[in-house]
Protein backbone atom coordinates (compact mmCIF):
# COMPACT_ATOMS: atom_id res chain seq x y z
CA UNK A 1 8.85 -55.94 -31.35
CA UNK A 2 11.14 -54.51 -29.05
CA UNK A 3 14.87 -53.14 -29.40
CA UNK A 4 16.18 -56.80 -28.36
CA UNK A 5 14.09 -58.55 -31.15
CA UNK A 6 14.88 -56.50 -33.56
CA UNK A 7 18.52 -56.42 -32.97
CA UNK A 8 18.21 -60.32 -33.19
CA UNK A 9 17.15 -59.68 -37.16
CA UNK A 10 19.58 -57.36 -37.61
CA UNK A 11 22.41 -59.75 -36.47
CA UNK A 12 20.84 -62.70 -38.04
CA UNK A 13 20.48 -61.09 -41.93
CA UNK A 14 24.20 -59.51 -41.23
CA UNK A 15 25.35 -63.21 -40.77
CA UNK A 16 23.15 -64.42 -43.77
CA UNK A 17 24.44 -61.52 -45.82
CA UNK A 18 28.38 -62.72 -44.82
CA UNK A 19 27.52 -66.49 -45.48
CA UNK A 20 26.89 -65.46 -48.98
CA UNK A 21 29.20 -62.73 -49.29
CA UNK A 22 32.51 -65.49 -48.03
CA UNK A 23 30.92 -68.68 -48.61
CA UNK A 24 28.08 -68.78 -51.06
CA UNK A 25 29.11 -65.84 -53.59
CA UNK A 26 27.41 -67.71 -56.31
CA UNK A 27 24.12 -67.19 -54.43
CA UNK A 28 22.32 -63.79 -54.41
CA UNK A 29 19.34 -64.42 -52.27
CA UNK A 30 21.95 -64.61 -49.03
CA UNK A 31 22.91 -60.94 -50.12
CA UNK A 32 19.21 -60.01 -50.92
CA UNK A 33 18.69 -61.14 -47.32
CA UNK A 34 21.62 -59.36 -45.78
CA UNK A 35 20.07 -55.89 -47.34
CA UNK A 36 18.08 -56.19 -44.23
CA UNK A 37 20.52 -55.65 -41.47
CA UNK A 38 21.88 -52.27 -42.00
CA UNK A 39 18.85 -50.21 -42.37
CA UNK A 40 17.94 -52.29 -38.94
CA UNK A 41 21.23 -51.33 -37.07
CA UNK A 42 21.02 -47.75 -38.36
CA UNK A 43 17.76 -47.50 -37.13
CA UNK A 44 18.38 -48.52 -33.37
CA UNK A 45 21.27 -46.56 -33.16
CA UNK A 46 19.13 -43.77 -34.35
CA UNK A 47 16.87 -44.96 -31.67
CA UNK A 48 19.85 -45.44 -28.89
CA UNK A 49 20.69 -41.83 -30.15
CA UNK A 50 17.29 -40.44 -28.82
CA UNK A 51 17.33 -42.61 -25.55
CA UNK A 52 20.94 -42.16 -24.49
CA UNK A 53 21.88 -40.00 -21.54
CA UNK A 54 25.27 -39.70 -22.91
CA UNK A 55 25.88 -39.50 -26.53
CA UNK A 56 29.25 -38.53 -26.11
CA UNK A 57 30.28 -41.80 -24.50
CA UNK A 58 28.31 -43.59 -27.17
CA UNK A 59 30.26 -42.19 -29.83
CA UNK A 60 33.47 -43.39 -27.95
CA UNK A 61 32.44 -46.60 -27.84
CA UNK A 62 31.51 -47.20 -31.21
CA UNK A 63 35.03 -45.73 -32.18
CA UNK A 64 36.52 -48.00 -29.68
CA UNK A 65 34.68 -51.17 -31.24
CA UNK A 66 35.18 -49.58 -34.90
CA UNK A 67 39.13 -49.59 -34.50
CA UNK A 68 39.19 -53.04 -32.75
CA UNK A 69 37.30 -54.59 -35.68
CA UNK A 70 38.69 -52.97 -38.67
CA UNK A 71 42.08 -55.50 -38.69
CA UNK A 72 39.86 -58.94 -38.80
CA UNK A 73 37.40 -56.75 -41.43
CA UNK A 74 40.57 -56.41 -43.55
CA UNK A 75 41.96 -60.00 -42.92
CA UNK A 76 38.65 -61.47 -44.13
CA UNK A 77 37.89 -59.24 -47.04
CA UNK A 78 41.61 -59.66 -48.23
CA UNK A 79 40.90 -63.56 -48.55
CA UNK A 80 38.44 -62.29 -51.65
CA UNK A 81 39.76 -58.97 -53.06
CA UNK A 82 44.16 -58.99 -51.82
CA UNK A 83 43.48 -55.30 -52.69
CA UNK A 84 40.38 -54.52 -50.35
CA UNK A 85 40.60 -51.41 -48.39
CA UNK A 86 37.33 -50.19 -47.00
CA UNK A 87 36.75 -48.86 -42.95
CA UNK A 88 34.19 -51.23 -41.61
CA UNK A 89 30.23 -50.46 -40.98
CA UNK A 90 31.24 -49.14 -37.45
CA UNK A 91 32.85 -46.36 -39.12
CA UNK A 92 29.64 -45.50 -40.80
CA UNK A 93 27.94 -46.02 -37.71
CA UNK A 94 30.25 -43.61 -35.61
CA UNK A 95 29.96 -40.70 -38.68
CA UNK A 96 26.12 -40.86 -38.77
CA UNK A 97 25.94 -40.77 -34.85
CA UNK A 98 28.63 -37.69 -34.85
CA UNK A 99 25.90 -36.03 -37.51
CA UNK A 100 23.03 -36.49 -34.99
CA UNK A 101 24.91 -35.60 -32.05
CA UNK A 102 25.57 -32.00 -33.74
CA UNK A 103 21.77 -32.25 -35.09
CA UNK A 104 20.79 -32.96 -31.24
CA UNK A 105 23.09 -29.89 -29.87
CA UNK A 106 21.75 -27.01 -31.93
CA UNK A 107 18.42 -25.80 -33.30
CA UNK A 108 19.81 -23.94 -36.14
CA UNK A 109 19.14 -25.71 -39.33
CA UNK A 110 22.11 -24.44 -41.11
CA UNK A 111 24.60 -26.54 -38.75
CA UNK A 112 22.23 -29.57 -39.34
CA UNK A 113 22.67 -29.37 -43.19
CA UNK A 114 26.37 -28.88 -42.62
CA UNK A 115 26.96 -31.72 -40.12
CA UNK A 116 25.08 -34.01 -42.49
CA UNK A 117 27.16 -32.82 -45.57
CA UNK A 118 30.44 -33.18 -43.48
CA UNK A 119 29.86 -36.46 -42.46
CA UNK A 120 28.36 -37.44 -45.92
CA UNK A 121 32.10 -36.55 -47.58
CA UNK A 122 34.26 -38.14 -44.55
CA UNK A 123 31.96 -41.31 -45.08
CA UNK A 124 32.76 -41.22 -49.20
CA UNK A 125 36.56 -40.06 -49.05
CA UNK A 126 37.20 -42.55 -45.65
CA UNK A 127 35.74 -45.21 -48.00
CA UNK A 128 33.23 -46.22 -45.01
CA UNK A 129 31.30 -49.75 -45.86
CA UNK A 130 27.76 -48.14 -47.23
CA UNK A 131 29.51 -44.53 -47.23
CA UNK A 132 27.41 -41.89 -48.04
CA UNK A 133 24.27 -43.73 -48.13
CA UNK A 134 24.90 -45.31 -44.57
CA UNK A 135 25.16 -42.08 -43.12
CA UNK A 136 22.28 -40.10 -44.67
CA UNK A 137 20.04 -43.41 -43.65
CA UNK A 138 21.11 -43.00 -39.81
CA UNK A 139 20.32 -39.29 -39.95
CA UNK A 140 16.84 -39.78 -41.66
CA UNK A 141 16.23 -42.18 -38.99
CA UNK A 142 16.90 -40.00 -36.55
CA UNK A 143 15.16 -36.56 -38.07
CA UNK A 144 11.98 -38.46 -38.91
CA UNK A 145 11.77 -40.86 -35.17
CA UNK A 146 8.23 -42.04 -34.99
CA UNK A 147 7.21 -40.39 -37.99
CA UNK A 148 6.51 -43.51 -40.14
CA UNK A 149 5.52 -41.80 -43.26
CA UNK A 150 8.80 -39.36 -43.85
CA UNK A 151 10.82 -42.41 -42.70
CA UNK A 152 9.20 -44.58 -45.71
CA UNK A 153 9.76 -41.71 -48.09
CA UNK A 154 13.18 -40.77 -47.03
CA UNK A 155 14.26 -44.67 -47.33
CA UNK A 156 12.68 -45.18 -50.26
CA UNK A 157 14.51 -42.30 -51.60
CA UNK A 158 18.22 -43.72 -50.08
CA UNK A 159 17.66 -47.19 -50.34
CA UNK A 160 15.98 -47.23 -53.84
CA UNK A 161 15.60 -44.33 -55.92
CA UNK A 162 19.60 -43.07 -55.64
CA UNK A 163 21.29 -46.50 -56.13
CA UNK A 164 19.31 -47.16 -59.02
CA UNK A 165 20.00 -43.56 -60.40
CA UNK A 166 23.42 -43.90 -60.04
CA UNK A 167 23.34 -47.40 -61.21
CA UNK A 168 21.50 -46.22 -64.45
CA UNK A 169 23.89 -43.11 -64.46
CA UNK A 170 27.42 -45.56 -64.55
CA UNK A 171 25.36 -48.00 -67.46
CA UNK A 172 24.66 -44.68 -69.60
CA UNK A 173 28.07 -43.12 -68.91
CA UNK A 174 29.96 -46.17 -68.61
CA UNK A 175 32.22 -44.71 -65.64
CA UNK A 176 32.05 -45.83 -62.08
CA UNK A 177 29.93 -43.41 -59.19
CA UNK A 178 30.39 -46.27 -56.63
CA UNK A 179 32.89 -43.79 -54.83
CA UNK A 180 30.00 -41.32 -54.59
CA UNK A 181 26.91 -43.36 -53.90
CA UNK A 182 26.22 -47.39 -53.41
CA UNK A 183 25.40 -48.56 -56.99
CA UNK A 184 24.08 -51.88 -56.34
CA UNK A 185 21.06 -53.09 -57.67
CA UNK A 186 19.88 -55.26 -54.72
CA UNK A 187 20.23 -52.30 -52.05
CA UNK A 188 16.55 -51.51 -52.48
CA UNK A 189 15.65 -54.65 -50.75
CA UNK A 190 16.87 -53.10 -47.89
CA UNK A 191 13.49 -51.54 -47.48
CA UNK A 192 11.74 -54.46 -46.04
CA UNK A 193 13.91 -54.09 -42.93
CA UNK A 194 10.64 -51.07 -42.62
CA UNK A 195 7.97 -53.73 -41.68
CA UNK A 196 10.38 -54.77 -38.15
CA UNK A 197 10.86 -51.25 -37.70
CA UNK A 198 7.07 -49.95 -37.82
CA UNK A 199 6.12 -52.87 -35.69
CA UNK A 200 8.46 -51.21 -32.81
CA UNK A 201 6.37 -51.08 -29.61
CA UNK A 202 8.57 -49.12 -27.79
CA UNK A 203 9.77 -51.46 -25.48
CA UNK A 204 13.64 -52.49 -24.68
CA UNK A 205 13.38 -55.78 -23.66
CA UNK A 206 16.14 -57.99 -22.42
CA UNK A 207 19.43 -56.14 -22.16
CA UNK A 208 22.05 -56.85 -24.95
CA UNK A 209 24.00 -53.47 -25.41
CA UNK A 210 27.25 -54.85 -26.16
CA UNK A 211 25.57 -57.96 -28.60
CA UNK A 212 26.46 -56.45 -31.91
CA UNK A 213 29.54 -55.05 -30.55
CA UNK A 214 31.41 -58.15 -29.73
CA UNK A 215 30.31 -60.22 -31.96
CA UNK A 216 31.05 -58.18 -34.90
CA UNK A 217 34.77 -58.23 -34.99
CA UNK A 218 34.27 -61.86 -33.59
CA UNK A 219 32.62 -63.37 -36.66
CA UNK A 220 35.44 -61.94 -39.14
CA UNK A 221 38.19 -63.53 -36.87
CA UNK A 222 36.00 -66.99 -37.56
CA UNK A 223 35.43 -65.98 -41.42
CA UNK A 224 38.99 -65.59 -41.25
CA UNK A 225 39.91 -68.65 -39.85
CA UNK A 226 37.47 -70.81 -41.65
CA UNK A 227 39.09 -69.93 -44.88
CA UNK A 228 42.06 -71.09 -44.10
CA UNK A 229 40.99 -74.39 -43.15
CA UNK A 230 38.80 -74.72 -46.59
């Protein structure tokens, strides 16, 4: 599979996820399928970071689209929960790429750890979608690029072991830890995204740089208006 085909799978699974969230909340299968979306976008970002000639421009582009997307993101989600307040997933991608940009700029492992720590904490404090797990996923895809075994091990830790550990601790301690790490028991289904990632053939495919960037805010605007009409 080339990057264009992986991007299409990521967009389709995102649409399925949002259909389940906003229109079919009682059908968990939509959300399960939707778990594939973020890891695919995280990998695409890491892949882009390896190939980009100007990572600063890449960061600026993501931040601009994140800012533009925030208003329709909040409008749509507040139709479900009037008190909803999170930053959209593009801010998570931004923080992940910010950490990656620092990692690319130095060979000192201390600064790698520091960049990861700061961006993970920022994701939690700012309440970005996917939070700490999202930032860690992006960084691991970048660090273990083309190292399939290590990608699998790291993603199992991020998407399976840590979420289930968080969930188990919540049940045992009867407290909420969701502000520190995602606790959804369906997150491990995101590991199925690795089947698409390992099929990557190193080719870009048709040019579609802005496909996700434009579609992401537009879908929330559409969801908002469809809910108003229903």
